[in-house]
Amino acid sequence: MTELTVTCHTPDNLDADRRMQGIGGMNGFQRWYHPIDNVIANIESGFHSYYVGQGLLRVRVLVKVNATSGRKYITTDPDGHRNNNLLSLPHCP
């Protein structure tokens, strides 16, 4: 399993449940970007794990299910912040 640190996100495309489109970051000197469905599959299969932050401030990215639509989405492990930490990241280039 590869641990990837998330440093950017791509916001939703105005779909009904406002699910973000993807996340990205740097792995060494290589930039990566994964569409949301790939991120969900990677987390569920254990292929990759994703984190926001560094050191003691690092929080894990989780898969959850929207109670209304039934669609899967990603959010961060509760860490005392009210909002999803991913949404505070800059937009991916």
N, C-alpha and C. Protein backbone atom coordinates (compact mmCIF):
# COMPACT_ATOMS: atom_id res chain seq x y z
N MET A 1 0.85 -1.18 0.00
CA MET A 1 0.00 0.00 0.00
C MET A 1 0.89 1.23 0.00
N THR A 2 0.61 2.14 -0.90
CA THR A 2 1.32 3.41 -0.97
C THR A 2 0.54 4.47 -0.22
N GLU A 3 1.22 5.23 0.64
CA GLU A 3 0.59 6.35 1.34
C GLU A 3 0.87 7.62 0.56
N LEU A 4 -0.18 8.31 0.16
CA LEU A 4 -0.06 9.53 -0.62
C LEU A 4 -0.59 10.72 0.17
N THR A 5 0.15 11.82 0.16
CA THR A 5 -0.28 13.04 0.82
C THR A 5 -1.00 13.92 -0.19
N VAL A 6 -2.21 14.30 0.13
CA VAL A 6 -3.05 15.11 -0.75
C VAL A 6 -2.75 16.59 -0.51
N THR A 7 -2.49 17.33 -1.60
CA THR A 7 -2.18 18.76 -1.47
C THR A 7 -3.12 19.64 -2.29
N CYS A 8 -4.03 19.02 -3.08
CA CYS A 8 -4.98 19.82 -3.87
C CYS A 8 -6.23 18.99 -4.15
N HIS A 9 -7.29 19.68 -4.55
CA HIS A 9 -8.52 18.99 -4.93
C HIS A 9 -9.15 19.68 -6.13
N THR A 10 -10.00 18.95 -6.83
CA THR A 10 -10.79 19.52 -7.92
C THR A 10 -12.23 19.52 -7.43
N PRO A 11 -12.86 20.71 -7.35
CA PRO A 11 -14.21 20.79 -6.81
C PRO A 11 -15.23 20.11 -7.72
N ASP A 12 -16.45 20.00 -7.20
CA ASP A 12 -17.51 19.31 -7.92
C ASP A 12 -17.88 20.02 -9.21
N ASN A 13 -18.59 19.30 -10.06
CA ASN A 13 -19.05 19.88 -11.32
C ASN A 13 -20.55 20.16 -11.26
N LEU A 14 -21.01 20.56 -10.08
CA LEU A 14 -22.40 20.95 -9.85
C LEU A 14 -23.37 19.78 -9.94
N ASP A 15 -22.89 18.54 -9.68
CA ASP A 15 -23.83 17.43 -9.61
C ASP A 15 -24.65 17.57 -8.33
N ALA A 16 -25.70 16.81 -8.21
CA ALA A 16 -26.66 16.99 -7.13
C ALA A 16 -26.05 16.84 -5.73
N ASP A 17 -25.10 15.91 -5.56
CA ASP A 17 -24.56 15.71 -4.22
C ASP A 17 -23.23 16.41 -3.98
N ARG A 18 -22.78 17.23 -4.94
CA ARG A 18 -21.60 18.08 -4.80
C ARG A 18 -20.34 17.31 -4.45
N ARG A 19 -20.21 16.12 -4.99
CA ARG A 19 -19.02 15.28 -4.76
C ARG A 19 -17.84 15.84 -5.53
N MET A 20 -16.67 16.00 -4.88
CA MET A 20 -15.51 16.54 -5.59
C MET A 20 -15.10 15.59 -6.71
N GLN A 21 -14.36 16.12 -7.68
CA GLN A 21 -14.01 15.36 -8.88
C GLN A 21 -12.71 14.58 -8.75
N GLY A 22 -11.79 15.03 -7.91
CA GLY A 22 -10.53 14.32 -7.75
C GLY A 22 -9.62 15.02 -6.78
N ILE A 23 -8.48 14.37 -6.50
CA ILE A 23 -7.47 14.91 -5.60
C ILE A 23 -6.09 14.67 -6.20
N GLY A 24 -5.12 15.46 -5.73
CA GLY A 24 -3.77 15.30 -6.25
C GLY A 24 -2.73 15.68 -5.22
N GLY A 25 -1.48 15.50 -5.62
CA GLY A 25 -0.37 15.83 -4.74
C GLY A 25 0.95 15.52 -5.40
N MET A 26 1.99 15.44 -4.60
CA MET A 26 3.33 15.11 -5.07
C MET A 26 3.79 13.83 -4.38
N ASN A 27 4.42 12.95 -5.14
CA ASN A 27 5.02 11.73 -4.60
C ASN A 27 6.49 11.81 -4.96
N GLY A 28 7.30 12.32 -4.04
CA GLY A 28 8.69 12.62 -4.37
C GLY A 28 8.72 13.83 -5.29
N PHE A 29 9.24 13.66 -6.48
CA PHE A 29 9.30 14.75 -7.46
C PHE A 29 8.23 14.60 -8.54
N GLN A 30 7.36 13.63 -8.40
CA GLN A 30 6.34 13.36 -9.42
C GLN A 30 4.96 13.80 -8.94
N ARG A 31 4.30 14.63 -9.77
CA ARG A 31 2.94 15.07 -9.46
C ARG A 31 1.97 13.94 -9.83
N TRP A 32 0.95 13.75 -9.01
CA TRP A 32 -0.08 12.76 -9.31
C TRP A 32 -1.46 13.40 -9.16
N TYR A 33 -2.42 12.83 -9.87
CA TYR A 33 -3.82 13.25 -9.78
C TYR A 33 -4.68 12.02 -9.98
N HIS A 34 -5.64 11.80 -9.09
CA HIS A 34 -6.53 10.65 -9.20
C HIS A 34 -7.99 11.13 -9.22
N PRO A 35 -8.75 10.72 -10.23
CA PRO A 35 -10.19 11.02 -10.24
C PRO A 35 -10.86 10.36 -9.03
N ILE A 36 -11.96 10.93 -8.60
CA ILE A 36 -12.63 10.50 -7.37
C ILE A 36 -12.98 9.01 -7.36
N ASP A 37 -13.46 8.46 -8.48
CA ASP A 37 -13.81 7.04 -8.50
C ASP A 37 -12.58 6.16 -8.31
N ASN A 38 -11.44 6.58 -8.84
CA ASN A 38 -10.19 5.83 -8.63
C ASN A 38 -9.75 5.91 -7.17
N VAL A 39 -9.89 7.10 -6.57
CA VAL A 39 -9.52 7.28 -5.16
C VAL A 39 -10.34 6.33 -4.29
N ILE A 40 -11.64 6.30 -4.52
CA ILE A 40 -12.53 5.43 -3.74
C ILE A 40 -12.13 3.97 -3.91
N ALA A 41 -11.90 3.54 -5.15
CA ALA A 41 -11.49 2.15 -5.41
C ALA A 41 -10.14 1.84 -4.75
N ASN A 42 -9.20 2.79 -4.82
CA ASN A 42 -7.88 2.58 -4.21
C ASN A 42 -7.98 2.42 -2.69
N ILE A 43 -8.80 3.24 -2.05
CA ILE A 43 -8.97 3.15 -0.59
C ILE A 43 -9.64 1.83 -0.22
N GLU A 44 -10.72 1.50 -0.91
CA GLU A 44 -11.47 0.29 -0.57
C GLU A 44 -10.67 -0.99 -0.81
N SER A 45 -9.81 -0.99 -1.82
CA SER A 45 -9.01 -2.18 -2.13
C SER A 45 -7.72 -2.24 -1.31
N GLY A 46 -7.35 -1.13 -0.67
CA GLY A 46 -6.11 -1.07 0.08
C GLY A 46 -4.89 -0.80 -0.79
N PHE A 47 -5.10 -0.44 -2.06
CA PHE A 47 -4.00 -0.17 -2.98
C PHE A 47 -3.25 1.10 -2.58
N HIS A 48 -3.98 2.16 -2.24
CA HIS A 48 -3.39 3.41 -1.76
C HIS A 48 -4.16 3.85 -0.51
N SER A 49 -3.47 4.59 0.35
CA SER A 49 -4.14 5.34 1.40
C SER A 49 -3.76 6.80 1.19
N TYR A 50 -4.65 7.69 1.52
CA TYR A 50 -4.47 9.12 1.28
C TYR A 50 -4.57 9.86 2.60
N TYR A 51 -3.74 10.91 2.72
CA TYR A 51 -3.70 11.72 3.94
C TYR A 51 -3.64 13.19 3.58
N VAL A 52 -4.12 14.02 4.51
CA VAL A 52 -3.99 15.47 4.40
C VAL A 52 -3.14 15.91 5.59
N GLY A 53 -2.16 16.77 5.35
CA GLY A 53 -1.31 17.28 6.41
C GLY A 53 -0.05 16.45 6.59
N GLN A 54 0.74 16.82 7.59
CA GLN A 54 2.02 16.18 7.86
C GLN A 54 2.18 15.91 9.34
N GLY A 55 2.98 14.92 9.68
CA GLY A 55 3.32 14.63 11.06
C GLY A 55 2.12 14.40 11.96
N LEU A 56 2.11 15.07 13.10
CA LEU A 56 1.02 14.91 14.06
C LEU A 56 -0.29 15.50 13.57
N LEU A 57 -0.23 16.37 12.57
CA LEU A 57 -1.44 17.01 12.04
C LEU A 57 -2.00 16.26 10.84
N ARG A 58 -1.49 15.08 10.57
CA ARG A 58 -1.93 14.29 9.41
C ARG A 58 -3.24 13.58 9.72
N VAL A 59 -4.20 13.69 8.80
CA VAL A 59 -5.48 13.00 8.96
C VAL A 59 -5.74 12.15 7.72
N ARG A 60 -6.39 11.04 7.92
CA ARG A 60 -6.65 10.07 6.87
C ARG A 60 -7.88 10.46 6.05
N VAL A 61 -7.84 10.14 4.75
CA VAL A 61 -8.99 10.33 3.87
C VAL A 61 -9.82 9.04 3.93
N LEU A 62 -11.13 9.19 4.13
CA LEU A 62 -12.05 8.07 4.27
C LEU A 62 -13.10 8.08 3.17
N VAL A 63 -13.68 6.91 2.92
CA VAL A 63 -14.81 6.78 2.00
C VAL A 63 -16.08 6.71 2.84
N LYS A 64 -17.07 7.50 2.47
CA LYS A 64 -18.38 7.45 3.12
C LYS A 64 -19.45 7.38 2.04
N VAL A 65 -20.69 7.13 2.45
CA VAL A 65 -21.80 7.02 1.51
C VAL A 65 -22.82 8.11 1.83
N ASN A 66 -23.22 8.86 0.80
CA ASN A 66 -24.25 9.89 0.95
C ASN A 66 -25.57 9.19 1.28
N ALA A 67 -26.17 9.54 2.40
CA ALA A 67 -27.40 8.88 2.85
C ALA A 67 -28.56 9.09 1.90
N THR A 68 -28.59 10.21 1.19
CA THR A 68 -29.69 10.50 0.28
C THR A 68 -29.51 9.84 -1.07
N SER A 69 -28.34 10.05 -1.68
CA SER A 69 -28.13 9.56 -3.05
C SER A 69 -27.55 8.16 -3.11
N GLY A 70 -26.91 7.71 -2.03
CA GLY A 70 -26.26 6.41 -2.04
C GLY A 70 -24.89 6.41 -2.71
N ARG A 71 -24.45 7.57 -3.21
CA ARG A 71 -23.14 7.66 -3.88
C ARG A 71 -22.03 7.76 -2.85
N LYS A 72 -20.91 7.13 -3.18
CA LYS A 72 -19.75 7.20 -2.30
C LYS A 72 -19.02 8.52 -2.54
N TYR A 73 -18.40 9.02 -1.47
CA TYR A 73 -17.61 10.25 -1.55
C TYR A 73 -16.45 10.13 -0.57
N ILE A 74 -15.51 11.08 -0.64
CA ILE A 74 -14.39 11.06 0.30
C ILE A 74 -14.47 12.26 1.24
N THR A 75 -13.96 12.04 2.43
CA THR A 75 -13.88 13.07 3.44
C THR A 75 -12.67 12.73 4.32
N THR A 76 -12.38 13.56 5.29
CA THR A 76 -11.26 13.27 6.17
C THR A 76 -11.75 12.73 7.51
N ASP A 77 -10.88 11.97 8.15
CA ASP A 77 -11.14 11.43 9.47
C ASP A 77 -11.42 12.60 10.42
N PRO A 78 -12.45 12.52 11.25
CA PRO A 78 -12.74 13.63 12.16
C PRO A 78 -11.51 13.99 13.00
N ASP A 79 -11.17 15.28 13.00
CA ASP A 79 -9.96 15.73 13.70
C ASP A 79 -10.19 17.00 14.51
N GLY A 80 -11.45 17.28 14.82
CA GLY A 80 -11.74 18.49 15.57
C GLY A 80 -12.14 19.65 14.68
N HIS A 81 -11.87 19.55 13.37
CA HIS A 81 -12.32 20.58 12.44
C HIS A 81 -13.72 20.22 11.98
N ARG A 82 -14.55 21.22 11.86
CA ARG A 82 -15.94 20.98 11.48
C ARG A 82 -16.07 20.56 10.02
N ASN A 83 -15.25 21.14 9.14
CA ASN A 83 -15.37 20.86 7.71
C ASN A 83 -14.38 19.81 7.25
N ASN A 84 -14.64 19.26 6.08
CA ASN A 84 -13.76 18.32 5.41
C ASN A 84 -12.44 19.02 5.10
N ASN A 85 -11.33 18.51 5.61
CA ASN A 85 -10.02 19.13 5.39
C ASN A 85 -9.66 19.23 3.91
N LEU A 86 -10.16 18.34 3.08
CA LEU A 86 -9.85 18.37 1.65
C LEU A 86 -10.32 19.67 1.00
N LEU A 87 -11.44 20.20 1.48
CA LEU A 87 -12.00 21.41 0.87
C LEU A 87 -11.18 22.66 1.17
N SER A 88 -10.31 22.59 2.16
CA SER A 88 -9.46 23.74 2.48
C SER A 88 -8.19 23.77 1.63
N LEU A 89 -7.94 22.71 0.87
CA LEU A 89 -6.76 22.65 0.01
C LEU A 89 -6.98 23.47 -1.25
N PRO A 90 -5.90 23.93 -1.88
CA PRO A 90 -6.05 24.67 -3.15
C PRO A 90 -6.58 23.75 -4.25
N HIS A 91 -7.09 24.36 -5.30
CA HIS A 91 -7.56 23.59 -6.46
C HIS A 91 -6.36 23.03 -7.21
N CYS A 92 -6.50 21.82 -7.73
CA CYS A 92 -5.43 21.21 -8.51
C CYS A 92 -5.25 21.96 -9.83
N PRO A 93 -4.00 22.05 -10.30
CA PRO A 93 -3.75 22.73 -11.58
C PRO A 93 -4.31 21.95 -12.76
